[in-house]
Amino acid sequence: MKAIIAVVQGQDTGKVGQALRQKGITFTTIDSTGGFLRERNVTFLIGVADENFETVMDLLSANSHTRSEYVSSYPSAFDPAEFYMPRPIEVQVGGATVWVLDVERYEPL
């Protein structure tokens, strides 16, 4: 058995949850905020039998995508310039960060 912890970007959480439900995979979610953009994320907690592990990983991969966004850059506090013109910078957001743990023991109480 495996325990999967997947932090999924907010825009992808609906698709990921729906895909997991359609395959009959149970999960728990925890709303979270993180990253340097302070964007909404959802952490999926999934317990899965070894034979279903690849199915879950495929679903996560197919339903969470990295995308580009432009954000404003901020002046450095140490920048002595008198005039600062902010320029948007491109950053990669989205997708999922996944941790997989081997489960030594599982007891539903």
Protein backbone atom coordinates (compact mmCIF):
# COMPACT_ATOMS: atom_id res chain seq x y z
CA MET A 1 0.00 0.00 0.00
CA LYS A 2 1.09 3.56 -0.71
CA ALA A 3 0.21 6.92 0.82
CA ILE A 4 0.23 9.69 -1.76
CA ILE A 5 0.42 13.34 -0.77
CA ALA A 6 -0.24 15.55 -3.79
CA VAL A 7 -0.22 19.34 -3.58
CA VAL A 8 -2.25 20.52 -6.58
CA GLN A 9 -2.56 24.10 -7.82
CA GLY A 10 -6.01 25.61 -7.27
CA GLN A 11 -7.00 25.74 -10.95
CA ASP A 12 -6.48 21.99 -11.32
CA THR A 13 -8.13 20.71 -8.15
CA GLY A 14 -11.61 20.25 -9.64
CA LYS A 15 -10.32 18.14 -12.53
CA VAL A 16 -8.11 16.03 -10.26
CA GLY A 17 -10.91 15.39 -7.76
CA GLN A 18 -13.40 14.49 -10.47
CA ALA A 19 -10.97 12.10 -12.19
CA LEU A 20 -10.20 10.33 -8.90
CA ARG A 21 -13.91 10.00 -8.06
CA GLN A 22 -14.69 8.56 -11.52
CA LYS A 23 -12.14 5.79 -10.91
CA GLY A 24 -13.54 5.10 -7.44
CA ILE A 25 -10.42 6.29 -5.63
CA THR A 26 -11.14 7.79 -2.22
CA PHE A 27 -9.20 10.76 -0.94
CA THR A 28 -9.19 13.57 1.60
CA THR A 29 -8.38 17.18 0.74
CA ILE A 30 -6.89 20.01 2.76
CA ASP A 31 -7.05 23.57 1.44
CA SER A 32 -3.69 25.31 1.59
CA THR A 33 -1.84 28.36 0.35
CA GLY A 34 1.79 28.38 -0.57
CA GLY A 35 4.62 29.19 -2.88
CA PHE A 36 6.08 32.60 -3.43
CA LEU A 37 2.90 33.70 -5.26
CA ARG A 38 0.71 32.74 -2.25
CA GLU A 39 -1.73 30.99 -4.60
CA ARG A 40 -4.46 28.57 -3.52
CA ASN A 41 -3.51 24.90 -3.46
CA VAL A 42 -5.27 21.76 -2.36
CA THR A 43 -3.40 18.90 -0.72
CA PHE A 44 -4.82 15.49 -1.67
CA LEU A 45 -4.23 12.65 0.81
CA ILE A 46 -4.69 9.33 -1.00
CA GLY A 47 -4.23 5.80 0.30
CA VAL A 48 -3.98 3.30 -2.53
CA ALA A 49 -3.20 -0.38 -3.01
CA ASP A 50 0.04 -1.08 -4.88
CA GLU A 51 -1.83 -2.37 -7.94
CA ASN A 52 -3.70 0.97 -8.30
CA PHE A 53 -0.68 3.19 -7.72
CA GLU A 54 0.16 3.82 -11.40
CA THR A 55 -3.50 4.61 -12.15
CA VAL A 56 -3.50 7.36 -9.52
CA MET A 57 -0.18 8.77 -10.74
CA ASP A 58 -1.49 8.81 -14.33
CA LEU A 59 -4.65 10.64 -13.21
CA LEU A 60 -2.62 13.24 -11.32
CA SER A 61 -0.35 13.76 -14.31
CA ALA A 62 -3.18 14.00 -16.85
CA ASN A 63 -5.27 16.45 -14.81
CA SER A 64 -2.73 18.89 -13.37
CA HIS A 65 -0.74 21.04 -15.76
CA THR A 66 2.05 23.56 -15.46
CA ARG A 67 1.26 26.92 -17.05
CA SER A 68 2.95 30.29 -17.41
CA GLU A 69 1.76 33.45 -15.68
CA TYR A 70 3.13 36.96 -15.60
CA VAL A 71 3.60 38.69 -12.27
CA SER A 72 4.88 42.13 -11.39
CA SER A 73 8.41 42.31 -10.14
CA TYR A 74 9.10 44.39 -7.07
CA PRO A 75 12.06 46.69 -6.46
CA SER A 76 14.77 45.54 -4.15
CA ALA A 77 14.85 47.24 -0.76
CA PHE A 78 18.57 47.73 -1.38
CA ASP A 79 18.16 49.28 -4.84
CA PRO A 80 19.30 52.90 -4.68
CA ALA A 81 17.48 53.79 -7.92
CA GLU A 82 15.14 56.77 -7.61
CA PHE A 83 12.78 55.60 -10.34
CA TYR A 84 11.66 52.03 -10.66
CA MET A 85 9.55 50.80 -13.57
CA PRO A 86 8.12 47.36 -12.72
CA ARG A 87 8.27 44.80 -15.49
CA PRO A 88 6.22 41.65 -15.48
CA ILE A 89 8.20 38.45 -15.25
CA GLU A 90 7.11 35.03 -16.47
CA VAL A 91 6.81 32.27 -13.85
CA GLN A 92 5.71 28.65 -14.04
CA VAL A 93 2.68 27.76 -11.88
CA GLY A 94 0.33 24.84 -11.61
CA GLY A 95 0.80 21.16 -11.84
CA ALA A 96 1.26 18.99 -8.80
CA THR A 97 4.00 18.18 -6.34
CA VAL A 98 3.69 14.57 -5.24
CA TRP A 99 5.21 12.58 -2.37
CA VAL A 100 4.82 8.81 -2.22
CA LEU A 101 5.24 6.93 1.05
CA ASP A 102 5.25 3.19 1.67
CA VAL A 103 2.58 2.24 4.21
CA GLU A 104 3.81 -0.30 6.70
CA ARG A 105 0.52 -0.66 8.53
CA TYR A 106 -3.06 0.47 7.91
CA GLU A 107 -5.90 0.14 10.41
CA PRO A 108 -9.33 1.66 9.82
CA LEU A 109 -10.75 2.49 13.25
